[in-house]
Amino acid sequence: MNLFAGLGALNGFLAVALAAFGTHALADGATAAQMATFHKATYYQMVHGLALIGAGWLSTAKPGKLAQLAGWAFFLGIVLFCGSVYSIGLTGSRAVAPAAPVGGTLLMIGWLAMAIAAFRRP
C-alpha cells in the first residue's frame, strides 16, 4: 500500500467533486469573488493531490525521510491551505485565513523536500 498515492487520488476525487459542487450549488448564492476563491481552492487541491501521488512514487523509488516529509507536508498543506480557502469561499468569513499561509508554507516545503529527494543520489 502506498499511503501518499492513495491520499493523492482521494484529493483528486474531492477536488473534482468540490469543483462540481461549487459550480452548481453555489452559483446562485455566492458572490463572484467567493466563487473565484472556491475554485482557486479546487485548483490547488488538484495540483497538490497530483503532487501527493508523485511523493508516493518517490517514496518507493527513493525511500527516505525526505520523501516522507514531502508527502506529509503536501497532505497537511492541502488540509490547511485549501481548507481555509474553501471556508473563505463558502462563508466569506476570513476567520480561518491565518491557516492559509501555514498551509502554503507546508506546500512549499513539500515541493522542496521532493526536489531534494529526487536529486539525491541513492
PDB file of N, CA and C in Angstrom:
ATOM      1  N   MET A   1       0.843  -1.182   0.000  1.00  0.00           N
ATOM      2  CA  MET A   1       0.000   0.000   0.000  1.00  0.00           C
ATOM      3  C   MET A   1       0.892   1.250   0.000  1.00  0.00           C
ATOM      4  N   ASN A   2       0.519   2.236  -0.773  1.00  0.00           N
ATOM      5  CA  ASN A   2       1.236   3.495  -0.778  1.00  0.00           C
ATOM      6  C   ASN A   2       0.281   4.584  -0.293  1.00  0.00           C
ATOM      7  N   LEU A   3       0.478   4.980   0.953  1.00  0.00           N
ATOM      8  CA  LEU A   3      -0.413   5.939   1.597  1.00  0.00           C
ATOM      9  C   LEU A   3      -0.513   7.246   0.821  1.00  0.00           C
ATOM     10  N   PHE A   4       0.612   7.798   0.387  1.00  0.00           N
ATOM     11  CA  PHE A   4       0.581   9.100  -0.270  1.00  0.00           C
ATOM     12  C   PHE A   4      -0.103   9.048  -1.628  1.00  0.00           C
ATOM     13  N   ALA A   5       0.109   7.985  -2.382  1.00  0.00           N
ATOM     14  CA  ALA A   5      -0.586   7.851  -3.666  1.00  0.00           C
ATOM     15  C   ALA A   5      -2.092   7.742  -3.446  1.00  0.00           C
ATOM     16  N   GLY A   6      -2.492   6.992  -2.433  1.00  0.00           N
ATOM     17  CA  GLY A   6      -3.915   6.872  -2.120  1.00  0.00           C
ATOM     18  C   GLY A   6      -4.515   8.192  -1.675  1.00  0.00           C
ATOM     19  N   LEU A   7      -3.799   8.916  -0.803  1.00  0.00           N
ATOM     20  CA  LEU A   7      -4.291  10.228  -0.370  1.00  0.00           C
ATOM     21  C   LEU A   7      -4.343  11.206  -1.539  1.00  0.00           C
ATOM     22  N   GLY A   8      -3.373  11.110  -2.440  1.00  0.00           N
ATOM     23  CA  GLY A   8      -3.381  11.974  -3.620  1.00  0.00           C
ATOM     24  C   GLY A   8      -4.582  11.705  -4.508  1.00  0.00           C
ATOM     25  N   ALA A   9      -4.870  10.419  -4.724  1.00  0.00           N
ATOM     26  CA  ALA A   9      -6.028  10.066  -5.553  1.00  0.00           C
ATOM     27  C   ALA A   9      -7.325  10.536  -4.893  1.00  0.00           C
ATOM     28  N   LEU A  10      -7.430  10.377  -3.576  1.00  0.00           N
ATOM     29  CA  LEU A  10      -8.633  10.853  -2.873  1.00  0.00           C
ATOM     30  C   LEU A  10      -8.770  12.364  -2.979  1.00  0.00           C
ATOM     31  N   ASN A  11      -7.651  13.078  -2.902  1.00  0.00           N
ATOM     32  CA  ASN A  11      -7.707  14.531  -3.047  1.00  0.00           C
ATOM     33  C   ASN A  11      -8.093  14.940  -4.461  1.00  0.00           C
ATOM     34  N   GLY A  12      -7.643  14.185  -5.459  1.00  0.00           N
ATOM     35  CA  GLY A  12      -8.079  14.462  -6.829  1.00  0.00           C
ATOM     36  C   GLY A  12      -9.576  14.281  -6.972  1.00  0.00           C
ATOM     37  N   PHE A  13     -10.087  13.188  -6.414  1.00  0.00           N
ATOM     38  CA  PHE A  13     -11.522  12.942  -6.440  1.00  0.00           C
ATOM     39  C   PHE A  13     -12.285  14.086  -5.758  1.00  0.00           C
ATOM     40  N   LEU A  14     -11.827  14.468  -4.561  1.00  0.00           N
ATOM     41  CA  LEU A  14     -12.502  15.538  -3.823  1.00  0.00           C
ATOM     42  C   LEU A  14     -12.437  16.873  -4.573  1.00  0.00           C
ATOM     43  N   ALA A  15     -11.318  17.145  -5.225  1.00  0.00           N
ATOM     44  CA  ALA A  15     -11.196  18.397  -5.970  1.00  0.00           C
ATOM     45  C   ALA A  15     -12.218  18.466  -7.098  1.00  0.00           C
ATOM     46  N   VAL A  16     -12.394  17.355  -7.817  1.00  0.00           N
ATOM     47  CA  VAL A  16     -13.386  17.328  -8.905  1.00  0.00           C
ATOM     48  C   VAL A  16     -14.795  17.447  -8.333  1.00  0.00           C
ATOM     49  N   ALA A  17     -15.078  16.701  -7.275  1.00  0.00           N
ATOM     50  CA  ALA A  17     -16.413  16.742  -6.664  1.00  0.00           C
ATOM     51  C   ALA A  17     -16.724  18.135  -6.118  1.00  0.00           C
ATOM     52  N   LEU A  18     -15.756  18.751  -5.449  1.00  0.00           N
ATOM     53  CA  LEU A  18     -15.991  20.082  -4.897  1.00  0.00           C
ATOM     54  C   LEU A  18     -16.092  21.147  -5.988  1.00  0.00           C
ATOM     55  N   ALA A  19     -15.354  20.976  -7.087  1.00  0.00           N
ATOM     56  CA  ALA A  19     -15.492  21.918  -8.206  1.00  0.00           C
ATOM     57  C   ALA A  19     -16.900  21.843  -8.782  1.00  0.00           C
ATOM     58  N   ALA A  20     -17.422  20.633  -8.924  1.00  0.00           N
ATOM     59  CA  ALA A  20     -18.795  20.472  -9.425  1.00  0.00           C
ATOM     60  C   ALA A  20     -19.793  21.072  -8.442  1.00  0.00           C
ATOM     61  N   PHE A  21     -19.588  20.813  -7.150  1.00  0.00           N
ATOM     62  CA  PHE A  21     -20.458  21.388  -6.123  1.00  0.00           C
ATOM     63  C   PHE A  21     -20.439  22.908  -6.206  1.00  0.00           C
ATOM     64  N   GLY A  22     -19.227  23.478  -6.271  1.00  0.00           N
ATOM     65  CA  GLY A  22     -19.107  24.926  -6.333  1.00  0.00           C
ATOM     66  C   GLY A  22     -19.772  25.520  -7.558  1.00  0.00           C
ATOM     67  N   THR A  23     -19.629  24.851  -8.675  1.00  0.00           N
ATOM     68  CA  THR A  23     -20.222  25.349  -9.916  1.00  0.00           C
ATOM     69  C   THR A  23     -21.741  25.328  -9.870  1.00  0.00           C
ATOM     70  N   HIS A  24     -22.302  24.254  -9.327  1.00  0.00           N
ATOM     71  CA  HIS A  24     -23.756  24.088  -9.374  1.00  0.00           C
ATOM     72  C   HIS A  24     -24.475  24.577  -8.121  1.00  0.00           C
ATOM     73  N   ALA A  25     -23.995  24.219  -6.964  1.00  0.00           N
ATOM     74  CA  ALA A  25     -24.722  24.530  -5.736  1.00  0.00           C
ATOM     75  C   ALA A  25     -24.497  25.956  -5.254  1.00  0.00           C
ATOM     76  N   LEU A  26     -23.329  26.518  -5.525  1.00  0.00           N
ATOM     77  CA  LEU A  26     -23.034  27.853  -5.020  1.00  0.00           C
ATOM     78  C   LEU A  26     -23.364  28.961  -6.011  1.00  0.00           C
ATOM     79  N   ALA A  27     -23.670  28.610  -7.228  1.00  0.00           N
ATOM     80  CA  ALA A  27     -23.831  29.604  -8.294  1.00  0.00           C
ATOM     81  C   ALA A  27     -24.868  30.672  -7.970  1.00  0.00           C
ATOM     82  N   ASP A  28     -25.936  30.300  -7.309  1.00  0.00           N
ATOM     83  CA  ASP A  28     -27.000  31.274  -7.060  1.00  0.00           C
ATOM     84  C   ASP A  28     -26.776  32.136  -5.822  1.00  0.00           C
ATOM     85  N   GLY A  29     -26.090  31.597  -4.795  1.00  0.00           N
ATOM     86  CA  GLY A  29     -25.981  32.326  -3.534  1.00  0.00           C
ATOM     87  C   GLY A  29     -24.652  32.971  -3.259  1.00  0.00           C
ATOM     88  N   ALA A  30     -23.614  32.624  -3.995  1.00  0.00           N
ATOM     89  CA  ALA A  30     -22.280  33.144  -3.712  1.00  0.00           C
ATOM     90  C   ALA A  30     -21.952  34.312  -4.634  1.00  0.00           C
ATOM     91  N   THR A  31     -21.112  35.192  -4.130  1.00  0.00           N
ATOM     92  CA  THR A  31     -20.649  36.304  -4.957  1.00  0.00           C
ATOM     93  C   THR A  31     -19.607  35.784  -5.958  1.00  0.00           C
ATOM     94  N   ALA A  32     -19.304  36.603  -6.946  1.00  0.00           N
ATOM     95  CA  ALA A  32     -18.282  36.215  -7.926  1.00  0.00           C
ATOM     96  C   ALA A  32     -16.932  36.022  -7.244  1.00  0.00           C
ATOM     97  N   ALA A  33     -16.621  36.846  -6.261  1.00  0.00           N
ATOM     98  CA  ALA A  33     -15.346  36.717  -5.535  1.00  0.00           C
ATOM     99  C   ALA A  33     -15.316  35.410  -4.744  1.00  0.00           C
ATOM    100  N   GLN A  34     -16.435  35.056  -4.112  1.00  0.00           N
ATOM    101  CA  GLN A  34     -16.487  33.795  -3.378  1.00  0.00           C
ATOM    102  C   GLN A  34     -16.330  32.608  -4.321  1.00  0.00           C
ATOM    103  N   MET A  35     -16.959  32.670  -5.476  1.00  0.00           N
ATOM    104  CA  MET A  35     -16.840  31.582  -6.458  1.00  0.00           C
ATOM    105  C   MET A  35     -15.391  31.449  -6.924  1.00  0.00           C
ATOM    106  N   ALA A  36     -14.745  32.568  -7.214  1.00  0.00           N
ATOM    107  CA  ALA A  36     -13.353  32.528  -7.669  1.00  0.00           C
ATOM    108  C   ALA A  36     -12.456  31.953  -6.576  1.00  0.00           C
ATOM    109  N   THR A  37     -12.691  32.341  -5.342  1.00  0.00           N
ATOM    110  CA  THR A  37     -11.913  31.830  -4.223  1.00  0.00           C
ATOM    111  C   THR A  37     -12.117  30.330  -4.070  1.00  0.00           C
ATOM    112  N   PHE A  38     -13.365  29.888  -4.140  1.00  0.00           N
ATOM    113  CA  PHE A  38     -13.679  28.463  -4.002  1.00  0.00           C
ATOM    114  C   PHE A  38     -12.998  27.657  -5.107  1.00  0.00           C
ATOM    115  N   HIS A  39     -13.067  28.158  -6.325  1.00  0.00           N
ATOM    116  CA  HIS A  39     -12.447  27.434  -7.448  1.00  0.00           C
ATOM    117  C   HIS A  39     -10.920  27.445  -7.370  1.00  0.00           C
ATOM    118  N   LYS A  40     -10.359  28.490  -6.776  1.00  0.00           N
ATOM    119  CA  LYS A  40      -8.910  28.504  -6.558  1.00  0.00           C
ATOM    120  C   LYS A  40      -8.522  27.366  -5.617  1.00  0.00           C
ATOM    121  N   ALA A  41      -9.341  27.120  -4.603  1.00  0.00           N
ATOM    122  CA  ALA A  41      -9.067  26.018  -3.674  1.00  0.00           C
ATOM    123  C   ALA A  41      -9.116  24.676  -4.394  1.00  0.00           C
ATOM    124  N   THR A  42     -10.075  24.495  -5.310  1.00  0.00           N
ATOM    125  CA  THR A  42     -10.151  23.218  -6.033  1.00  0.00           C
ATOM    126  C   THR A  42      -8.928  23.031  -6.927  1.00  0.00           C
ATOM    127  N   TYR A  43      -8.454  24.113  -7.519  1.00  0.00           N
ATOM    128  CA  TYR A  43      -7.258  24.043  -8.363  1.00  0.00           C
ATOM    129  C   TYR A  43      -6.044  23.605  -7.544  1.00  0.00           C
ATOM    130  N   TYR A  44      -5.820  24.274  -6.420  1.00  0.00           N
ATOM    131  CA  TYR A  44      -4.667  23.931  -5.585  1.00  0.00           C
ATOM    132  C   TYR A  44      -4.796  22.529  -5.005  1.00  0.00           C
ATOM    133  N   GLN A  45      -6.004  22.110  -4.673  1.00  0.00           N
ATOM    134  CA  GLN A  45      -6.181  20.758  -4.164  1.00  0.00           C
ATOM    135  C   GLN A  45      -5.841  19.729  -5.232  1.00  0.00           C
ATOM    136  N   MET A  46      -6.253  19.965  -6.474  1.00  0.00           N
ATOM    137  CA  MET A  46      -5.957  19.025  -7.552  1.00  0.00           C
ATOM    138  C   MET A  46      -4.451  18.962  -7.824  1.00  0.00           C
ATOM    139  N   VAL A  47      -3.823  20.112  -7.945  1.00  0.00           N
ATOM    140  CA  VAL A  47      -2.382  20.143  -8.227  1.00  0.00           C
ATOM    141  C   VAL A  47      -1.608  19.410  -7.130  1.00  0.00           C
ATOM    142  N   HIS A  48      -1.983  19.655  -5.892  1.00  0.00           N
ATOM    143  CA  HIS A  48      -1.232  19.042  -4.805  1.00  0.00           C
ATOM    144  C   HIS A  48      -1.672  17.612  -4.523  1.00  0.00           C
ATOM    145  N   GLY A  49      -2.854  17.234  -4.982  1.00  0.00           N
ATOM    146  CA  GLY A  49      -3.217  15.817  -4.977  1.00  0.00           C
ATOM    147  C   GLY A  49      -2.301  15.051  -5.922  1.00  0.00           C
ATOM    148  N   LEU A  50      -2.034  15.635  -7.084  1.00  0.00           N
ATOM    149  CA  LEU A  50      -1.091  15.023  -8.024  1.00  0.00           C
ATOM    150  C   LEU A  50       0.319  15.008  -7.439  1.00  0.00           C
ATOM    151  N   ALA A  51       0.679  16.071  -6.720  1.00  0.00           N
ATOM    152  CA  ALA A  51       1.990  16.098  -6.067  1.00  0.00           C
ATOM    153  C   ALA A  51       2.096  14.984  -5.021  1.00  0.00           C
ATOM    154  N   LEU A  52       1.004  14.717  -4.316  1.00  0.00           N
ATOM    155  CA  LEU A  52       0.995  13.611  -3.349  1.00  0.00           C
ATOM    156  C   LEU A  52       1.232  12.271  -4.041  1.00  0.00           C
ATOM    157  N   ILE A  53       0.638  12.096  -5.201  1.00  0.00           N
ATOM    158  CA  ILE A  53       0.882  10.869  -5.960  1.00  0.00           C
ATOM    159  C   ILE A  53       2.370  10.785  -6.326  1.00  0.00           C
ATOM    160  N   GLY A  54       2.946  11.924  -6.726  1.00  0.00           N
ATOM    161  CA  GLY A  54       4.379  11.966  -7.008  1.00  0.00           C
ATOM    162  C   GLY A  54       5.211  11.639  -5.782  1.00  0.00           C
ATOM    163  N   ALA A  55       4.802  12.142  -4.628  1.00  0.00           N
ATOM    164  CA  ALA A  55       5.526  11.828  -3.385  1.00  0.00           C
ATOM    165  C   ALA A  55       5.399  10.345  -3.060  1.00  0.00           C
ATOM    166  N   GLY A  56       4.262   9.758  -3.378  1.00  0.00           N
ATOM    167  CA  GLY A  56       4.093   8.326  -3.182  1.00  0.00           C
ATOM    168  C   GLY A  56       5.032   7.526  -4.064  1.00  0.00           C
ATOM    169  N   TRP A  57       5.135   7.933  -5.325  1.00  0.00           N
ATOM    170  CA  TRP A  57       6.070   7.262  -6.234  1.00  0.00           C
ATOM    171  C   TRP A  57       7.497   7.437  -5.727  1.00  0.00           C
ATOM    172  N   LEU A  58       7.841   8.666  -5.328  1.00  0.00           N
ATOM    173  CA  LEU A  58       9.197   8.943  -4.869  1.00  0.00           C
ATOM    174  C   LEU A  58       9.531   8.148  -3.607  1.00  0.00           C
ATOM    175  N   SER A  59       8.548   7.952  -2.745  1.00  0.00           N
ATOM    176  CA  SER A  59       8.813   7.216  -1.507  1.00  0.00           C
ATOM    177  C   SER A  59       9.114   5.742  -1.768  1.00  0.00           C
ATOM    178  N   THR A  60       8.706   5.229  -2.930  1.00  0.00           N
ATOM    179  CA  THR A  60       9.081   3.853  -3.281  1.00  0.00           C
ATOM    180  C   THR A  60      10.356   3.830  -4.118  1.00  0.00           C
ATOM    181  N   ALA A  61      10.556   4.844  -4.972  1.00  0.00           N
ATOM    182  CA  ALA A  61      11.752   4.890  -5.818  1.00  0.00           C
ATOM    183  C   ALA A  61      12.996   5.275  -5.020  1.00  0.00           C
ATOM    184  N   LYS A  62      12.837   6.197  -4.109  1.00  0.00           N
ATOM    185  CA  LYS A  62      13.948   6.671  -3.279  1.00  0.00           C
ATOM    186  C   LYS A  62      13.458   6.803  -1.837  1.00  0.00           C
ATOM    187  N   PRO A  63      13.257   5.670  -1.180  1.00  0.00           N
ATOM    188  CA  PRO A  63      12.723   5.733   0.180  1.00  0.00           C
ATOM    189  C   PRO A  63      13.635   6.538   1.106  1.00  0.00           C
ATOM    190  N   GLY A  64      13.007   7.233   2.013  1.00  0.00           N
ATOM    191  CA  GLY A  64      13.775   8.016   2.979  1.00  0.00           C
ATOM    192  C   GLY A  64      12.918   9.079   3.625  1.00  0.00           C
ATOM    193  N   LYS A  65      13.541   9.803   4.523  1.00  0.00           N
ATOM    194  CA  LYS A  65      12.820  10.816   5.288  1.00  0.00           C
ATOM    195  C   LYS A  65      12.347  11.988   4.434  1.00  0.00           C
ATOM    196  N   LEU A  66      13.105  12.342   3.410  1.00  0.00           N
ATOM    197  CA  LEU A  66      12.702  13.485   2.572  1.00  0.00           C
ATOM    198  C   LEU A  66      11.418  13.199   1.802  1.00  0.00           C
ATOM    199  N   ALA A  67      11.289  12.003   1.255  1.00  0.00           N
ATOM    200  CA  ALA A  67      10.070  11.647   0.539  1.00  0.00           C
ATOM    201  C   ALA A  67       8.880  11.606   1.497  1.00  0.00           C
ATOM    202  N   GLN A  68       9.110  11.106   2.702  1.00  0.00           N
ATOM    203  CA  GLN A  68       8.049  11.089   3.714  1.00  0.00           C
ATOM    204  C   GLN A  68       7.661  12.516   4.117  1.00  0.00           C
ATOM    205  N   LEU A  69       8.684  13.358   4.300  1.00  0.00           N
ATOM    206  CA  LEU A  69       8.421  14.758   4.634  1.00  0.00           C
ATOM    207  C   LEU A  69       7.600  15.426   3.539  1.00  0.00           C
ATOM    208  N   ALA A  70       7.966  15.180   2.293  1.00  0.00           N
ATOM    209  CA  ALA A  70       7.222  15.772   1.176  1.00  0.00           C
ATOM    210  C   ALA A  70       5.764  15.344   1.220  1.00  0.00           C
ATOM    211  N   GLY A  71       5.513  14.053   1.387  1.00  0.00           N
ATOM    212  CA  GLY A  71       4.141  13.556   1.414  1.00  0.00           C
ATOM    213  C   GLY A  71       3.321  14.160   2.533  1.00  0.00           C
ATOM    214  N   TRP A  72       3.866  14.174   3.744  1.00  0.00           N
ATOM    215  CA  TRP A  72       3.113  14.727   4.874  1.00  0.00           C
ATOM    216  C   TRP A  72       2.945  16.233   4.750  1.00  0.00           C
ATOM    217  N   ALA A  73       3.956  16.920   4.221  1.00  0.00           N
ATOM    218  CA  ALA A  73       3.833  18.365   4.035  1.00  0.00           C
ATOM    219  C   ALA A  73       2.745  18.684   3.010  1.00  0.00           C
ATOM    220  N   PHE A  74       2.708  17.928   1.912  1.00  0.00           N
ATOM    221  CA  PHE A  74       1.645  18.138   0.929  1.00  0.00           C
ATOM    222  C   PHE A  74       0.274  17.880   1.545  1.00  0.00           C
ATOM    223  N   PHE A  75       0.144  16.771   2.263  1.00  0.00           N
ATOM    224  CA  PHE A  75      -1.165  16.428   2.823  1.00  0.00           C
ATOM    225  C   PHE A  75      -1.637  17.487   3.821  1.00  0.00           C
ATOM    226  N   LEU A  76      -0.783  17.846   4.772  1.00  0.00           N
ATOM    227  CA  LEU A  76      -1.175  18.851   5.761  1.00  0.00           C
ATOM    228  C   LEU A  76      -1.356  20.224   5.118  1.00  0.00           C
ATOM    229  N   GLY A  77      -0.543  20.524   4.112  1.00  0.00           N
ATOM    230  CA  GLY A  77      -0.704  21.785   3.395  1.00  0.00           C
ATOM    231  C   GLY A  77      -2.044  21.867   2.679  1.00  0.00           C
ATOM    232  N   ILE A  78      -2.471  20.771   2.075  1.00  0.00           N
ATOM    233  CA  ILE A  78      -3.787  20.735   1.425  1.00  0.00           C
ATOM    234  C   ILE A  78      -4.877  20.999   2.448  1.00  0.00           C
ATOM    235  N   VAL A  79      -4.792  20.309   3.577  1.00  0.00           N
ATOM    236  CA  VAL A  79      -5.821  20.462   4.611  1.00  0.00           C
ATOM    237  C   VAL A  79      -5.893  21.913   5.083  1.00  0.00           C
ATOM    238  N   LEU A  80      -4.744  22.494   5.418  1.00  0.00           N
ATOM    239  CA  LEU A  80      -4.744  23.846   5.968  1.00  0.00           C
ATOM    240  C   LEU A  80      -4.982  24.921   4.911  1.00  0.00           C
ATOM    241  N   PHE A  81      -4.240  24.852   3.804  1.00  0.00           N
ATOM    242  CA  PHE A  81      -4.381  25.897   2.784  1.00  0.00           C
ATOM    243  C   PHE A  81      -5.728  25.797   2.077  1.00  0.00           C
ATOM    244  N   CYS A  82      -5.985  24.643   1.476  1.00  0.00           N
ATOM    245  CA  CYS A  82      -7.232  24.502   0.721  1.00  0.00           C
ATOM    246  C   CYS A  82      -8.443  24.581   1.647  1.00  0.00           C
ATOM    247  N   GLY A  83      -8.324  23.977   2.822  1.00  0.00           N
ATOM    248  CA  GLY A  83      -9.438  24.034   3.762  1.00  0.00           C
ATOM    249  C   GLY A  83      -9.817  25.455   4.120  1.00  0.00           C
ATOM    250  N   SER A  84      -8.812  26.295   4.409  1.00  0.00           N
ATOM    251  CA  SER A  84      -9.123  27.683   4.754  1.00  0.00           C
ATOM    252  C   SER A  84      -9.654  28.457   3.552  1.00  0.00           C
ATOM    253  N   VAL A  85      -9.117  28.195   2.369  1.00  0.00           N
ATOM    254  CA  VAL A  85      -9.599  28.893   1.171  1.00  0.00           C
ATOM    255  C   VAL A  85     -11.029  28.449   0.835  1.00  0.00           C
ATOM    256  N   TYR A  86     -11.327  27.149   0.985  1.00  0.00           N
ATOM    257  CA  TYR A  86     -12.713  26.692   0.805  1.00  0.00           C
ATOM    258  C   TYR A  86     -13.638  27.411   1.783  1.00  0.00           C
ATOM    259  N   SER A  87     -13.217  27.508   3.024  1.00  0.00           N
ATOM    260  CA  SER A  87     -14.049  28.152   4.039  1.00  0.00           C
ATOM    261  C   SER A  87     -14.323  29.613   3.693  1.00  0.00           C
ATOM    262  N   ILE A  88     -13.306  30.312   3.251  1.00  0.00           N
ATOM    263  CA  ILE A  88     -13.484  31.711   2.846  1.00  0.00           C
ATOM    264  C   ILE A  88     -14.450  31.793   1.669  1.00  0.00           C
ATOM    265  N   GLY A  89     -14.276  30.885   0.695  1.00  0.00           N
ATOM    266  CA  GLY A  89     -15.161  30.898  -0.467  1.00  0.00           C
ATOM    267  C   GLY A  89     -16.604  30.573  -0.111  1.00  0.00           C
ATOM    268  N   LEU A  90     -16.803  29.668   0.823  1.00  0.00           N
ATOM    269  CA  LEU A  90     -18.161  29.269   1.208  1.00  0.00           C
ATOM    270  C   LEU A  90     -18.858  30.308   2.069  1.00  0.00           C
ATOM    271  N   THR A  91     -18.127  30.887   3.011  1.00  0.00           N
ATOM    272  CA  THR A  91     -18.766  31.746   4.008  1.00  0.00           C
ATOM    273  C   THR A  91     -18.493  33.225   3.806  1.00  0.00           C
ATOM    274  N   GLY A  92     -17.406  33.559   3.133  1.00  0.00           N
ATOM    275  CA  GLY A  92     -16.998  34.951   3.021  1.00  0.00           C
ATOM    276  C   GLY A  92     -16.256  35.434   4.260  1.00  0.00           C
ATOM    277  N   SER A  93     -16.257  34.629   5.311  1.00  0.00           N
ATOM    278  CA  SER A  93     -15.574  34.986   6.553  1.00  0.00           C
ATOM    279  C   SER A  93     -14.089  34.672   6.424  1.00  0.00           C
ATOM    280  N   ARG A  94     -13.281  35.560   6.964  1.00  0.00           N
ATOM    281  CA  ARG A  94     -11.828  35.371   6.912  1.00  0.00           C
ATOM    282  C   ARG A  94     -11.289  34.888   8.257  1.00  0.00           C
ATOM    283  N   ALA A  95     -12.149  34.332   9.089  1.00  0.00           N
ATOM    284  CA  ALA A  95     -11.743  33.881  10.420  1.00  0.00           C
ATOM    285  C   ALA A  95     -10.649  32.815  10.363  1.00  0.00           C
ATOM    286  N   VAL A  96     -10.686  31.961   9.356  1.00  0.00           N
ATOM    287  CA  VAL A  96      -9.693  30.889   9.247  1.00  0.00           C
ATOM    288  C   VAL A  96      -8.536  31.271   8.318  1.00  0.00           C
ATOM    289  N   ALA A  97      -8.525  32.491   7.835  1.00  0.00           N
ATOM    290  CA  ALA A  97      -7.488  32.933   6.898  1.00  0.00           C
ATOM    291  C   ALA A  97      -6.061  32.744   7.422  1.00  0.00           C
ATOM    292  N   PRO A  98      -5.796  32.863   8.726  1.00  0.00           N
ATOM    293  CA  PRO A  98      -4.418  32.645   9.189  1.00  0.00           C
ATOM    294  C   PRO A  98      -3.872  31.235   8.928  1.00  0.00           C
ATOM    295  N   ALA A  99      -4.741  30.270   8.682  1.00  0.00           N
ATOM    296  CA  ALA A  99      -4.268  28.915   8.378  1.00  0.00           C
ATOM    297  C   ALA A  99      -3.688  28.826   6.966  1.00  0.00           C
ATOM    298  N   ALA A 100      -4.092  29.725   6.082  1.00  0.00           N
ATOM    299  CA  ALA A 100      -3.648  29.655   4.690  1.00  0.00           C
ATOM    300  C   ALA A 100      -2.130  29.810   4.535  1.00  0.00           C
ATOM    301  N   PRO A 101      -1.487  30.791   5.173  1.00  0.00           N
ATOM    302  CA  PRO A 101      -0.042  30.889   4.994  1.00  0.00           C
ATOM    303  C   PRO A 101       0.722  29.705   5.598  1.00  0.00           C
ATOM    304  N   VAL A 102       0.200  29.144   6.673  1.00  0.00           N
ATOM    305  CA  VAL A 102       0.834  27.954   7.250  1.00  0.00           C
ATOM    306  C   VAL A 102       0.733  26.804   6.249  1.00  0.00           C
ATOM    307  N   GLY A 103      -0.469  26.613   5.697  1.00  0.00           N
ATOM    308  CA  GLY A 103      -0.662  25.571   4.694  1.00  0.00           C
ATOM    309  C   GLY A 103       0.174  25.809   3.453  1.00  0.00           C
ATOM    310  N   GLY A 104       0.240  27.055   3.003  1.00  0.00           N
ATOM    311  CA  GLY A 104       1.054  27.391   1.833  1.00  0.00           C
ATOM    312  C   GLY A 104       2.529  27.118   2.068  1.00  0.00           C
ATOM    313  N   THR A 105       2.995  27.417   3.267  1.00  0.00           N
ATOM    314  CA  THR A 105       4.388  27.126   3.617  1.00  0.00           C
ATOM    315  C   THR A 105       4.637  25.627   3.589  1.00  0.00           C
ATOM    316  N   LEU A 106       3.696  24.841   4.106  1.00  0.00           N
ATOM    317  CA  LEU A 106       3.833  23.387   4.060  1.00  0.00           C
ATOM    318  C   LEU A 106       3.868  22.877   2.618  1.00  0.00           C
ATOM    319  N   LEU A 107       3.060  23.457   1.740  1.00  0.00           N
ATOM    320  CA  LEU A 107       3.088  23.051   0.329  1.00  0.00           C
ATOM    321  C   LEU A 107       4.462  23.334  -0.281  1.00  0.00           C
ATOM    322  N   MET A 108       5.026  24.484   0.037  1.00  0.00           N
ATOM    323  CA  MET A 108       6.359  24.805  -0.476  1.00  0.00           C
ATOM    324  C   MET A 108       7.416  23.856   0.096  1.00  0.00           C
ATOM    325  N   ILE A 109       7.293  23.525   1.378  1.00  0.00           N
ATOM    326  CA  ILE A 109       8.209  22.559   1.986  1.00  0.00           C
ATOM    327  C   ILE A 109       8.094  21.215   1.273  1.00  0.00           C
ATOM    328  N   GLY A 110       6.875  20.818   0.936  1.00  0.00           N
ATOM    329  CA  GLY A 110       6.672  19.563   0.208  1.00  0.00           C
ATOM    330  C   GLY A 110       7.404  19.561  -1.126  1.00  0.00           C
ATOM    331  N   TRP A 111       7.284  20.652  -1.884  1.00  0.00           N
ATOM    332  CA  TRP A 111       7.967  20.731  -3.178  1.00  0.00           C
ATOM    333  C   TRP A 111       9.478  20.702  -3.008  1.00  0.00           C
ATOM    334  N   LEU A 112       9.986  21.436  -2.024  1.00  0.00           N
ATOM    335  CA  LEU A 112      11.427  21.481  -1.810  1.00  0.00           C
ATOM    336  C   LEU A 112      11.955  20.117  -1.357  1.00  0.00           C
ATOM    337  N   ALA A 113      11.243  19.472  -0.431  1.00  0.00           N
ATOM    338  CA  ALA A 113      11.674  18.145   0.034  1.00  0.00           C
ATOM    339  C   ALA A 113      11.647  17.138  -1.109  1.00  0.00           C
ATOM    340  N   MET A 114      10.636  17.224  -1.975  1.00  0.00           N
ATOM    341  CA  MET A 114      10.557  16.298  -3.092  1.00  0.00           C
ATOM    342  C   MET A 114      11.691  16.561  -4.081  1.00  0.00           C
ATOM    343  N   ALA A 115      12.021  17.813  -4.321  1.00  0.00           N
ATOM    344  CA  ALA A 115      13.124  18.130  -5.225  1.00  0.00           C
ATOM    345  C   ALA A 115      14.452  17.623  -4.680  1.00  0.00           C
ATOM    346  N   ILE A 116      14.708  17.860  -3.408  1.00  0.00           N
ATOM    347  CA  ILE A 116      15.963  17.399  -2.808  1.00  0.00           C
ATOM    348  C   ILE A 116      16.037  15.876  -2.857  1.00  0.00           C
ATOM    349  N   ALA A 117      14.923  15.214  -2.518  1.00  0.00           N
ATOM    350  CA  ALA A 117      14.899  13.745  -2.554  1.00  0.00           C
ATOM    351  C   ALA A 117      15.130  13.235  -3.965  1.00  0.00           C
ATOM    352  N   ALA A 118      14.554  13.896  -4.943  1.00  0.00           N
ATOM    353  CA  ALA A 118      14.693  13.454  -6.340  1.00  0.00           C
ATOM    354  C   ALA A 118      16.132  13.606  -6.829  1.00  0.00           C
ATOM    355  N   PHE A 119      16.812  14.662  -6.434  1.00  0.00           N
ATOM    356  CA  PHE A 119      18.190  14.900  -6.869  1.00  0.00           C
ATOM    357  C   PHE A 119      19.222  14.137  -6.050  1.00  0.00           C
ATOM    358  N   ARG A 120      18.804  13.638  -4.908  1.00  0.00           N
ATOM    359  CA  ARG A 120      19.727  12.928  -4.012  1.00  0.00           C
ATOM    360  C   ARG A 120      20.195  11.621  -4.660  1.00  0.00           C
ATOM    361  N   ARG A 121      21.442  11.339  -4.501  1.00  0.00           N
ATOM    362  CA  ARG A 121      21.977  10.067  -5.019  1.00  0.00           C
ATOM    363  C   ARG A 121      21.555   8.933  -4.102  1.00  0.00           C
ATOM    364  N   PRO A 122      21.328   7.766  -4.679  1.00  0.00           N
ATOM    365  CA  PRO A 122      20.914   6.629  -3.836  1.00  0.00           C
ATOM    366  C   PRO A 122      22.025   6.169  -2.903  1.00  0.00           C
TER     367      PRO A 122
END
